Amino acid sequence: MDDIVKQAIAKWPNVPDCYGWLGLDARGDWYMRDDQVQAQGSFTQSKGSRLQHEKLIDFIGRNYECDAQGRWFFQNGPQRVYVELEATPWVWRIQPDGSLQTHTGRAARMQRCCVDEAGYFYMDTEIGFGLVHTQDMHLALAPIESGLWVPQEVMRAALGQQFGYVRSPQAAQVKSEQT
């Protein structure tokens, strides 16, 4: 987390959390979701505007974390902005040498790989679980065919519970407020 963010948290410790305004799609792109976009439905129904400003994207990536409930967020100064996930909290990019990087540029090592009923390929690492970017599937073929990577079968609907993440913190918050 950036030092300036830590300083802002210390200066303003009680800023309310923000839900529904930021989304991460299955290709690792960030989306801003204003009130009008949110009124059109969930993130999977209405994404919003794709962020393209490199410095903002890098700032979000450096300050992207998970809370104890498995809800991923961007710490924007003193405010926690919870992220709506189209698929998983990480989108993996397989490098030509077989190493992994997150959509934010962080390196990781695979602990296991999985495939769901629709054929989507995932990796679990020491920093968390994520979907392999569709453009990198060709790089996964050789280690799978050679038996170096042996994907376990998983059910897509159970991934969040199995790997400890919440796809829609906004929906979870609304549900907890209703009970």
N, C-alpha and C. Protein backbone atom coordinates (compact mmCIF):
# COMPACT_ATOMS: atom_id res chain seq x y z
N MET A 1 0.85 -1.17 0.00
CA MET A 1 0.00 0.00 0.00
C MET A 1 0.90 1.24 0.00
N ASP A 2 0.51 2.24 -0.77
CA ASP A 2 1.28 3.47 -0.86
C ASP A 2 1.32 4.18 0.49
N ASP A 3 2.46 4.83 0.79
CA ASP A 3 2.59 5.59 2.04
C ASP A 3 1.54 6.69 2.16
N ILE A 4 1.25 7.37 1.06
CA ILE A 4 0.26 8.45 1.10
C ILE A 4 -1.13 7.92 1.49
N VAL A 5 -1.43 6.68 1.09
CA VAL A 5 -2.70 6.05 1.46
C VAL A 5 -2.70 5.74 2.95
N LYS A 6 -1.61 5.19 3.47
CA LYS A 6 -1.51 4.90 4.90
C LYS A 6 -1.66 6.18 5.72
N GLN A 7 -1.06 7.27 5.26
CA GLN A 7 -1.17 8.55 5.97
C GLN A 7 -2.62 9.04 5.98
N ALA A 8 -3.31 8.89 4.86
CA ALA A 8 -4.71 9.33 4.77
C ALA A 8 -5.60 8.51 5.71
N ILE A 9 -5.34 7.21 5.81
CA ILE A 9 -6.12 6.36 6.72
C ILE A 9 -5.92 6.82 8.16
N ALA A 10 -4.67 7.13 8.52
CA ALA A 10 -4.39 7.58 9.88
C ALA A 10 -5.05 8.93 10.16
N LYS A 11 -5.09 9.81 9.16
CA LYS A 11 -5.65 11.14 9.35
C LYS A 11 -7.19 11.12 9.40
N TRP A 12 -7.81 10.26 8.57
CA TRP A 12 -9.27 10.17 8.50
C TRP A 12 -9.68 8.70 8.66
N PRO A 13 -9.70 8.18 9.89
CA PRO A 13 -9.93 6.75 10.08
C PRO A 13 -11.37 6.28 9.90
N ASN A 14 -12.33 7.17 9.88
CA ASN A 14 -13.74 6.74 9.88
C ASN A 14 -14.50 7.09 8.61
N VAL A 15 -13.84 7.07 7.47
CA VAL A 15 -14.50 7.36 6.20
C VAL A 15 -15.34 6.13 5.81
N PRO A 16 -16.60 6.31 5.42
CA PRO A 16 -17.45 5.16 5.06
C PRO A 16 -16.91 4.41 3.83
N ASP A 17 -17.16 3.11 3.82
CA ASP A 17 -16.77 2.28 2.69
C ASP A 17 -17.65 2.58 1.49
N CYS A 18 -17.15 2.27 0.31
CA CYS A 18 -17.85 2.52 -0.95
C CYS A 18 -18.10 1.18 -1.64
N TYR A 19 -19.33 0.97 -2.11
CA TYR A 19 -19.69 -0.28 -2.76
C TYR A 19 -20.25 -0.02 -4.15
N GLY A 20 -19.91 -0.90 -5.10
CA GLY A 20 -20.52 -0.89 -6.42
C GLY A 20 -19.88 0.02 -7.45
N TRP A 21 -18.95 0.86 -7.06
CA TRP A 21 -18.40 1.87 -7.96
C TRP A 21 -17.21 1.42 -8.79
N LEU A 22 -16.62 0.28 -8.47
CA LEU A 22 -15.44 -0.20 -9.18
C LEU A 22 -15.60 -1.68 -9.47
N GLY A 23 -15.28 -2.08 -10.71
CA GLY A 23 -15.38 -3.48 -11.09
C GLY A 23 -14.12 -3.95 -11.78
N LEU A 24 -13.87 -5.26 -11.68
CA LEU A 24 -12.75 -5.91 -12.36
C LEU A 24 -13.32 -7.00 -13.25
N ASP A 25 -13.04 -6.91 -14.56
CA ASP A 25 -13.60 -7.91 -15.48
C ASP A 25 -12.69 -9.13 -15.61
N ALA A 26 -13.11 -10.09 -16.38
CA ALA A 26 -12.40 -11.35 -16.54
C ALA A 26 -11.11 -11.21 -17.36
N ARG A 27 -10.86 -10.05 -17.91
CA ARG A 27 -9.63 -9.81 -18.68
C ARG A 27 -8.66 -8.92 -17.90
N GLY A 28 -9.02 -8.59 -16.64
CA GLY A 28 -8.12 -7.78 -15.80
C GLY A 28 -8.27 -6.29 -16.01
N ASP A 29 -9.36 -5.86 -16.62
CA ASP A 29 -9.61 -4.43 -16.82
C ASP A 29 -10.50 -3.90 -15.70
N TRP A 30 -10.20 -2.67 -15.27
CA TRP A 30 -10.98 -1.99 -14.23
C TRP A 30 -12.07 -1.16 -14.88
N TYR A 31 -13.23 -1.11 -14.22
CA TYR A 31 -14.37 -0.34 -14.72
C TYR A 31 -14.92 0.56 -13.62
N MET A 32 -15.19 1.81 -13.97
CA MET A 32 -15.86 2.75 -13.08
C MET A 32 -17.35 2.63 -13.31
N ARG A 33 -18.12 2.55 -12.22
CA ARG A 33 -19.57 2.33 -12.31
C ARG A 33 -20.30 3.42 -11.54
N ASP A 34 -20.79 4.42 -12.24
CA ASP A 34 -21.51 5.50 -11.57
C ASP A 34 -22.93 5.06 -11.20
N ASP A 35 -23.70 5.96 -10.59
CA ASP A 35 -25.07 5.63 -10.16
C ASP A 35 -25.93 5.11 -11.31
N GLN A 36 -25.82 5.75 -12.47
CA GLN A 36 -26.64 5.37 -13.63
C GLN A 36 -26.31 3.94 -14.07
N VAL A 37 -25.04 3.61 -14.13
CA VAL A 37 -24.62 2.26 -14.52
C VAL A 37 -25.09 1.24 -13.49
N GLN A 38 -24.93 1.55 -12.20
CA GLN A 38 -25.36 0.63 -11.15
C GLN A 38 -26.87 0.39 -11.20
N ALA A 39 -27.63 1.41 -11.57
CA ALA A 39 -29.09 1.27 -11.65
C ALA A 39 -29.50 0.29 -12.76
N GLN A 40 -28.60 0.05 -13.72
CA GLN A 40 -28.90 -0.88 -14.82
C GLN A 40 -28.67 -2.34 -14.44
N GLY A 41 -28.11 -2.59 -13.28
CA GLY A 41 -27.93 -3.97 -12.83
C GLY A 41 -26.54 -4.24 -12.29
N SER A 42 -26.29 -5.51 -12.02
CA SER A 42 -25.01 -5.94 -11.46
C SER A 42 -23.87 -5.69 -12.45
N PHE A 43 -22.66 -5.90 -11.98
CA PHE A 43 -21.48 -5.68 -12.83
C PHE A 43 -21.50 -6.58 -14.05
N THR A 44 -21.99 -7.79 -13.92
CA THR A 44 -22.04 -8.68 -15.09
C THR A 44 -23.08 -8.22 -16.10
N GLN A 45 -24.07 -7.43 -15.66
CA GLN A 45 -25.09 -6.90 -16.56
C GLN A 45 -24.72 -5.55 -17.15
N SER A 46 -24.01 -4.73 -16.39
CA SER A 46 -23.68 -3.37 -16.80
C SER A 46 -22.33 -2.98 -16.23
N LYS A 47 -21.30 -3.06 -17.06
CA LYS A 47 -19.93 -2.85 -16.57
C LYS A 47 -19.60 -1.40 -16.23
N GLY A 48 -19.99 -0.48 -17.08
CA GLY A 48 -19.60 0.91 -16.88
C GLY A 48 -18.51 1.33 -17.84
N SER A 49 -17.65 2.25 -17.40
CA SER A 49 -16.59 2.80 -18.25
C SER A 49 -15.25 2.18 -17.91
N ARG A 50 -14.59 1.61 -18.92
CA ARG A 50 -13.27 1.00 -18.69
C ARG A 50 -12.24 2.09 -18.40
N LEU A 51 -11.50 1.90 -17.33
CA LEU A 51 -10.44 2.85 -16.99
C LEU A 51 -9.27 2.66 -17.96
N GLN A 52 -8.71 3.78 -18.42
CA GLN A 52 -7.62 3.72 -19.37
C GLN A 52 -6.40 4.54 -18.93
N HIS A 53 -6.54 5.33 -17.87
CA HIS A 53 -5.44 6.17 -17.39
C HIS A 53 -4.42 5.29 -16.66
N GLU A 54 -3.22 5.15 -17.24
CA GLU A 54 -2.22 4.21 -16.72
C GLU A 54 -1.83 4.47 -15.27
N LYS A 55 -1.66 5.74 -14.90
CA LYS A 55 -1.25 6.04 -13.53
C LYS A 55 -2.35 5.68 -12.54
N LEU A 56 -3.60 5.90 -12.90
CA LEU A 56 -4.71 5.52 -12.04
C LEU A 56 -4.78 4.00 -11.91
N ILE A 57 -4.63 3.30 -13.01
CA ILE A 57 -4.65 1.83 -12.99
C ILE A 57 -3.53 1.29 -12.11
N ASP A 58 -2.33 1.86 -12.23
CA ASP A 58 -1.20 1.44 -11.40
C ASP A 58 -1.47 1.73 -9.92
N PHE A 59 -2.07 2.89 -9.62
CA PHE A 59 -2.40 3.25 -8.24
C PHE A 59 -3.40 2.25 -7.65
N ILE A 60 -4.42 1.91 -8.42
CA ILE A 60 -5.39 0.92 -7.96
C ILE A 60 -4.69 -0.41 -7.70
N GLY A 61 -3.84 -0.83 -8.62
CA GLY A 61 -3.13 -2.10 -8.48
C GLY A 61 -2.24 -2.16 -7.26
N ARG A 62 -1.57 -1.08 -6.93
CA ARG A 62 -0.69 -1.05 -5.76
C ARG A 62 -1.48 -1.06 -4.45
N ASN A 63 -2.73 -0.66 -4.50
CA ASN A 63 -3.54 -0.52 -3.29
C ASN A 63 -4.75 -1.46 -3.32
N TYR A 64 -4.61 -2.58 -3.99
CA TYR A 64 -5.65 -3.60 -4.15
C TYR A 64 -5.39 -4.71 -3.15
N GLU A 65 -6.35 -4.96 -2.26
CA GLU A 65 -6.17 -5.93 -1.20
C GLU A 65 -7.49 -6.63 -0.88
N CYS A 66 -7.42 -7.54 0.07
CA CYS A 66 -8.58 -8.33 0.47
C CYS A 66 -8.80 -8.18 1.98
N ASP A 67 -10.07 -8.09 2.39
CA ASP A 67 -10.35 -8.04 3.82
C ASP A 67 -10.58 -9.45 4.36
N ALA A 68 -10.85 -9.57 5.65
CA ALA A 68 -11.00 -10.86 6.31
C ALA A 68 -12.21 -11.65 5.82
N GLN A 69 -13.20 -10.98 5.21
CA GLN A 69 -14.38 -11.66 4.69
C GLN A 69 -14.22 -12.12 3.24
N GLY A 70 -13.05 -11.88 2.63
CA GLY A 70 -12.82 -12.28 1.25
C GLY A 70 -13.33 -11.26 0.24
N ARG A 71 -13.59 -10.04 0.71
CA ARG A 71 -14.04 -8.97 -0.19
C ARG A 71 -12.80 -8.18 -0.62
N TRP A 72 -12.62 -8.06 -1.93
CA TRP A 72 -11.47 -7.34 -2.48
C TRP A 72 -11.82 -5.87 -2.61
N PHE A 73 -10.82 -5.02 -2.36
CA PHE A 73 -11.05 -3.58 -2.37
C PHE A 73 -9.82 -2.84 -2.85
N PHE A 74 -10.06 -1.61 -3.23
CA PHE A 74 -9.01 -0.65 -3.56
C PHE A 74 -9.04 0.38 -2.45
N GLN A 75 -7.91 0.56 -1.77
CA GLN A 75 -7.83 1.55 -0.70
C GLN A 75 -7.51 2.89 -1.34
N ASN A 76 -8.52 3.73 -1.49
CA ASN A 76 -8.40 5.04 -2.13
C ASN A 76 -8.27 6.10 -1.05
N GLY A 77 -7.04 6.35 -0.64
CA GLY A 77 -6.83 7.26 0.49
C GLY A 77 -7.48 6.64 1.71
N PRO A 78 -8.31 7.40 2.42
CA PRO A 78 -8.94 6.84 3.62
C PRO A 78 -10.17 5.98 3.32
N GLN A 79 -10.61 5.93 2.07
CA GLN A 79 -11.83 5.21 1.74
C GLN A 79 -11.55 3.87 1.09
N ARG A 80 -12.22 2.86 1.59
CA ARG A 80 -12.15 1.52 1.02
C ARG A 80 -13.21 1.40 -0.06
N VAL A 81 -12.78 1.13 -1.30
CA VAL A 81 -13.69 0.99 -2.43
C VAL A 81 -13.74 -0.49 -2.79
N TYR A 82 -14.85 -1.15 -2.43
CA TYR A 82 -14.98 -2.58 -2.71
C TYR A 82 -15.20 -2.82 -4.19
N VAL A 83 -14.59 -3.92 -4.68
CA VAL A 83 -14.55 -4.22 -6.10
C VAL A 83 -15.53 -5.33 -6.45
N GLU A 84 -16.35 -5.06 -7.46
CA GLU A 84 -17.25 -6.08 -8.03
C GLU A 84 -16.42 -6.91 -9.00
N LEU A 85 -16.45 -8.22 -8.86
CA LEU A 85 -15.64 -9.11 -9.68
C LEU A 85 -16.50 -9.83 -10.72
N GLU A 86 -16.10 -9.73 -11.97
CA GLU A 86 -16.80 -10.50 -12.99
C GLU A 86 -16.51 -11.99 -12.82
N ALA A 87 -15.29 -12.31 -12.43
CA ALA A 87 -14.91 -13.72 -12.31
C ALA A 87 -14.18 -13.98 -10.99
N THR A 88 -12.93 -13.55 -10.90
CA THR A 88 -12.07 -13.85 -9.75
C THR A 88 -11.29 -12.60 -9.36
N PRO A 89 -10.67 -12.60 -8.17
CA PRO A 89 -9.92 -11.41 -7.75
C PRO A 89 -8.61 -11.18 -8.51
N TRP A 90 -8.08 -12.23 -9.08
CA TRP A 90 -6.86 -12.09 -9.89
C TRP A 90 -7.14 -12.58 -11.30
N VAL A 91 -6.49 -11.95 -12.26
CA VAL A 91 -6.47 -12.43 -13.64
C VAL A 91 -5.01 -12.69 -13.95
N TRP A 92 -4.70 -13.96 -14.21
CA TRP A 92 -3.30 -14.37 -14.42
C TRP A 92 -2.87 -14.18 -15.86
N ARG A 93 -1.66 -13.67 -16.00
CA ARG A 93 -0.98 -13.61 -17.29
C ARG A 93 0.18 -14.58 -17.21
N ILE A 94 0.18 -15.55 -18.10
CA ILE A 94 1.28 -16.52 -18.16
C ILE A 94 2.36 -15.92 -19.05
N GLN A 95 3.56 -15.86 -18.52
CA GLN A 95 4.69 -15.30 -19.25
C GLN A 95 5.29 -16.39 -20.16
N PRO A 96 6.03 -16.00 -21.19
CA PRO A 96 6.62 -17.00 -22.11
C PRO A 96 7.48 -18.06 -21.40
N ASP A 97 8.09 -17.69 -20.26
CA ASP A 97 8.90 -18.67 -19.52
C ASP A 97 8.07 -19.53 -18.57
N GLY A 98 6.74 -19.35 -18.57
CA GLY A 98 5.85 -20.13 -17.72
C GLY A 98 5.55 -19.51 -16.37
N SER A 99 6.21 -18.39 -16.05
CA SER A 99 5.93 -17.73 -14.77
C SER A 99 4.59 -16.99 -14.86
N LEU A 100 4.07 -16.61 -13.70
CA LEU A 100 2.77 -15.95 -13.62
C LEU A 100 2.90 -14.52 -13.12
N GLN A 101 2.02 -13.68 -13.66
CA GLN A 101 1.86 -12.32 -13.16
C GLN A 101 0.38 -12.02 -13.07
N THR A 102 0.02 -11.25 -12.03
CA THR A 102 -1.36 -10.82 -11.91
C THR A 102 -1.65 -9.71 -12.90
N HIS A 103 -2.90 -9.35 -13.04
CA HIS A 103 -3.30 -8.22 -13.87
C HIS A 103 -2.70 -6.91 -13.35
N THR A 104 -2.23 -6.91 -12.09
CA THR A 104 -1.59 -5.73 -11.52
C THR A 104 -0.07 -5.77 -11.62
N GLY A 105 0.47 -6.87 -12.20
CA GLY A 105 1.92 -6.97 -12.39
C GLY A 105 2.67 -7.70 -11.30
N ARG A 106 1.96 -8.22 -10.31
CA ARG A 106 2.60 -8.96 -9.22
C ARG A 106 2.94 -10.38 -9.65
N ALA A 107 4.13 -10.84 -9.29
CA ALA A 107 4.55 -12.21 -9.60
C ALA A 107 3.97 -13.18 -8.58
N ALA A 108 3.73 -14.41 -9.02
CA ALA A 108 3.21 -15.44 -8.13
C ALA A 108 3.64 -16.80 -8.64
N ARG A 109 3.52 -17.80 -7.75
CA ARG A 109 3.84 -19.19 -8.12
C ARG A 109 2.58 -20.04 -7.97
N MET A 110 2.32 -20.83 -8.98
CA MET A 110 1.15 -21.70 -8.97
C MET A 110 1.31 -22.80 -7.93
N GLN A 111 0.23 -23.02 -7.18
CA GLN A 111 0.17 -24.15 -6.24
C GLN A 111 -0.68 -25.27 -6.82
N ARG A 112 -1.72 -24.89 -7.55
CA ARG A 112 -2.56 -25.86 -8.26
C ARG A 112 -3.33 -25.14 -9.35
N CYS A 113 -3.80 -25.92 -10.30
CA CYS A 113 -4.61 -25.34 -11.37
C CYS A 113 -5.93 -26.08 -11.43
N CYS A 114 -6.93 -25.40 -11.98
CA CYS A 114 -8.29 -25.94 -12.02
C CYS A 114 -8.94 -25.60 -13.35
N VAL A 115 -9.95 -26.38 -13.69
CA VAL A 115 -10.76 -26.10 -14.87
C VAL A 115 -12.21 -26.29 -14.47
N ASP A 116 -13.08 -25.38 -14.92
CA ASP A 116 -14.50 -25.50 -14.57
C ASP A 116 -15.28 -26.21 -15.67
N GLU A 117 -16.56 -26.37 -15.44
CA GLU A 117 -17.42 -27.11 -16.36
C GLU A 117 -17.52 -26.47 -17.74
N ALA A 118 -17.21 -25.18 -17.86
CA ALA A 118 -17.25 -24.50 -19.15
C ALA A 118 -15.88 -24.45 -19.82
N GLY A 119 -14.85 -25.00 -19.16
CA GLY A 119 -13.51 -25.02 -19.74
C GLY A 119 -12.64 -23.84 -19.36
N TYR A 120 -13.10 -22.98 -18.44
CA TYR A 120 -12.25 -21.87 -17.99
C TYR A 120 -11.16 -22.41 -17.09
N PHE A 121 -9.95 -21.84 -17.24
CA PHE A 121 -8.76 -22.33 -16.56
C PHE A 121 -8.35 -21.35 -15.47
N TYR A 122 -8.10 -21.88 -14.27
CA TYR A 122 -7.79 -21.06 -13.10
C TYR A 122 -6.49 -21.54 -12.47
N MET A 123 -5.88 -20.65 -11.68
CA MET A 123 -4.70 -21.03 -10.91
C MET A 123 -4.85 -20.50 -9.49
N ASP A 124 -4.44 -21.34 -8.56
CA ASP A 124 -4.39 -20.96 -7.16
C ASP A 124 -2.91 -20.78 -6.83
N THR A 125 -2.57 -19.66 -6.20
CA THR A 125 -1.18 -19.33 -5.90
C THR A 125 -1.05 -18.92 -4.44
N GLU A 126 0.15 -18.61 -4.03
CA GLU A 126 0.38 -18.16 -2.65
C GLU A 126 -0.27 -16.80 -2.36
N ILE A 127 -0.64 -16.05 -3.40
CA ILE A 127 -1.31 -14.76 -3.15
C ILE A 127 -2.79 -14.80 -3.48
N GLY A 128 -3.27 -15.93 -3.93
CA GLY A 128 -4.70 -16.05 -4.16
C GLY A 128 -5.06 -16.76 -5.45
N PHE A 129 -6.37 -16.77 -5.70
CA PHE A 129 -6.96 -17.52 -6.79
C PHE A 129 -7.33 -16.60 -7.94
N GLY A 130 -7.17 -17.09 -9.18
CA GLY A 130 -7.54 -16.25 -10.31
C GLY A 130 -7.75 -17.03 -11.60
N LEU A 131 -8.37 -16.34 -12.52
CA LEU A 131 -8.65 -16.85 -13.86
C LEU A 131 -7.46 -16.58 -14.76
N VAL A 132 -7.10 -17.54 -15.60
CA VAL A 132 -6.04 -17.31 -16.59
C VAL A 132 -6.64 -16.51 -17.74
N HIS A 133 -5.95 -15.47 -18.14
CA HIS A 133 -6.40 -14.61 -19.24
C HIS A 133 -6.56 -15.45 -20.50
N THR A 134 -7.64 -15.22 -21.23
CA THR A 134 -7.93 -16.02 -22.42
C THR A 134 -6.81 -15.97 -23.46
N GLN A 135 -6.11 -14.85 -23.55
CA GLN A 135 -5.04 -14.73 -24.55
C GLN A 135 -3.80 -15.55 -24.19
N ASP A 136 -3.76 -16.08 -22.97
CA ASP A 136 -2.59 -16.85 -22.54
C ASP A 136 -2.82 -18.35 -22.49
N MET A 137 -3.98 -18.79 -22.93
CA MET A 137 -4.28 -20.22 -22.87
C MET A 137 -3.31 -21.05 -23.71
N HIS A 138 -2.83 -20.50 -24.80
CA HIS A 138 -1.87 -21.25 -25.63
C HIS A 138 -0.59 -21.56 -24.85
N LEU A 139 -0.23 -20.70 -23.89
CA LEU A 139 0.96 -20.92 -23.08
C LEU A 139 0.74 -21.99 -22.01
N ALA A 140 -0.52 -22.30 -21.72
CA ALA A 140 -0.83 -23.34 -20.73
C ALA A 140 -0.86 -24.73 -21.35
N LEU A 141 -0.98 -24.81 -22.65
CA LEU A 141 -1.14 -26.12 -23.30
C LEU A 141 0.05 -27.06 -23.08
N ALA A 142 1.26 -26.59 -23.30
CA ALA A 142 2.43 -27.47 -23.18
C ALA A 142 2.57 -28.05 -21.77
N PRO A 143 2.51 -27.25 -20.70
CA PRO A 143 2.62 -27.86 -19.36
C PRO A 143 1.46 -28.78 -19.01
N ILE A 144 0.27 -28.51 -19.55
CA ILE A 144 -0.87 -29.41 -19.31
C ILE A 144 -0.65 -30.72 -20.06
N GLU A 145 -0.30 -30.63 -21.35
CA GLU A 145 -0.10 -31.84 -22.16
C GLU A 145 1.05 -32.70 -21.67
N SER A 146 2.08 -32.06 -21.11
CA SER A 146 3.23 -32.83 -20.60
C SER A 146 2.98 -33.41 -19.21
N GLY A 147 1.88 -33.03 -18.58
CA GLY A 147 1.56 -33.52 -17.24
C GLY A 147 2.17 -32.71 -16.12
N LEU A 148 2.87 -31.64 -16.47
CA LEU A 148 3.45 -30.76 -15.45
C LEU A 148 2.35 -30.05 -14.67
N TRP A 149 1.31 -29.63 -15.35
CA TRP A 149 0.13 -29.02 -14.72
C TRP A 149 -1.03 -29.99 -14.91
N VAL A 150 -1.67 -30.39 -13.82
CA VAL A 150 -2.80 -31.31 -13.87
C VAL A 150 -4.01 -30.59 -13.28
N PRO A 151 -4.88 -30.07 -14.14
CA PRO A 151 -6.03 -29.30 -13.63
C PRO A 151 -7.03 -30.17 -12.87
N GLN A 152 -7.48 -29.65 -11.73
CA GLN A 152 -8.55 -30.28 -10.96
C GLN A 152 -9.87 -29.72 -11.47
N GLU A 153 -10.89 -30.54 -11.48
CA GLU A 153 -12.20 -30.08 -11.92
C GLU A 153 -12.90 -29.35 -10.78
N VAL A 154 -13.48 -28.19 -11.09
CA VAL A 154 -14.21 -27.38 -10.11
C VAL A 154 -15.52 -26.92 -10.74
N MET A 155 -16.45 -26.53 -9.90
CA MET A 155 -17.71 -25.97 -10.36
C MET A 155 -17.63 -24.45 -10.23
N ARG A 156 -17.91 -23.74 -11.29
CA ARG A 156 -17.79 -22.29 -11.30
C ARG A 156 -18.60 -21.63 -10.19
N ALA A 157 -19.82 -22.09 -9.97
CA ALA A 157 -20.69 -21.48 -8.96
C ALA A 157 -20.13 -21.59 -7.55
N ALA A 158 -19.23 -22.55 -7.30
CA ALA A 158 -18.69 -22.77 -5.96
C ALA A 158 -17.31 -22.15 -5.76
N LEU A 159 -16.75 -21.50 -6.76
CA LEU A 159 -15.37 -21.01 -6.66
C LEU A 159 -15.16 -20.01 -5.53
N GLY A 160 -16.07 -19.05 -5.39
CA GLY A 160 -15.91 -18.04 -4.34
C GLY A 160 -15.84 -18.67 -2.96
N GLN A 161 -16.75 -19.57 -2.69
CA GLN A 161 -16.76 -20.23 -1.39
C GLN A 161 -15.52 -21.12 -1.22
N GLN A 162 -15.18 -21.87 -2.27
CA GLN A 162 -14.04 -22.79 -2.19
C GLN A 162 -12.72 -22.06 -1.99
N PHE A 163 -12.56 -20.91 -2.66
CA PHE A 163 -11.28 -20.21 -2.61
C PHE A 163 -11.31 -18.91 -1.80
N GLY A 164 -12.42 -18.66 -1.11
CA GLY A 164 -12.47 -17.59 -0.12
C GLY A 164 -12.54 -16.17 -0.66
N TYR A 165 -13.35 -15.93 -1.68
CA TYR A 165 -13.53 -14.56 -2.15
C TYR A 165 -15.00 -14.29 -2.44
N VAL A 166 -15.35 -13.02 -2.41
CA VAL A 166 -16.73 -12.57 -2.64
C VAL A 166 -16.76 -11.84 -3.97
N ARG A 167 -17.57 -12.34 -4.91
CA ARG A 167 -17.65 -11.70 -6.23
C ARG A 167 -18.35 -10.35 -6.18
N SER A 168 -19.37 -10.22 -5.34
CA SER A 168 -20.09 -8.95 -5.25
C SER A 168 -20.19 -8.48 -3.80
N PRO A 169 -19.20 -7.70 -3.35
CA PRO A 169 -19.28 -7.14 -2.01
C PRO A 169 -20.53 -6.27 -1.82
N GLN A 170 -20.98 -5.61 -2.89
CA GLN A 170 -22.17 -4.78 -2.80
C GLN A 170 -23.40 -5.63 -2.46
N ALA A 171 -23.59 -6.74 -3.16
CA ALA A 171 -24.72 -7.62 -2.89
C ALA A 171 -24.63 -8.22 -1.49
N ALA A 172 -23.42 -8.59 -1.07
CA ALA A 172 -23.24 -9.14 0.27
C ALA A 172 -23.57 -8.09 1.34
N GLN A 173 -23.20 -6.84 1.09
CA GLN A 173 -23.49 -5.76 2.03
C GLN A 173 -24.99 -5.51 2.13
N VAL A 174 -25.66 -5.47 1.01
CA VAL A 174 -27.12 -5.27 1.00
C VAL A 174 -27.79 -6.41 1.76
N LYS A 175 -27.35 -7.63 1.52
CA LYS A 175 -27.93 -8.81 2.19
C LYS A 175 -27.73 -8.72 3.70
N SER A 176 -26.52 -8.32 4.14
CA SER A 176 -26.25 -8.24 5.59
C SER A 176 -27.06 -7.10 6.23
N GLU A 177 -27.33 -6.03 5.51
CA GLU A 177 -28.14 -4.94 6.04
C GLU A 177 -29.60 -5.33 6.18
N GLN A 178 -30.05 -6.29 5.36
CA GLN A 178 -31.44 -6.72 5.40
C GLN A 178 -31.72 -7.73 6.50
N THR A 179 -30.66 -8.35 7.02
CA THR A 179 -30.87 -9.37 8.06
C THR A 179 -30.69 -8.82 9.44
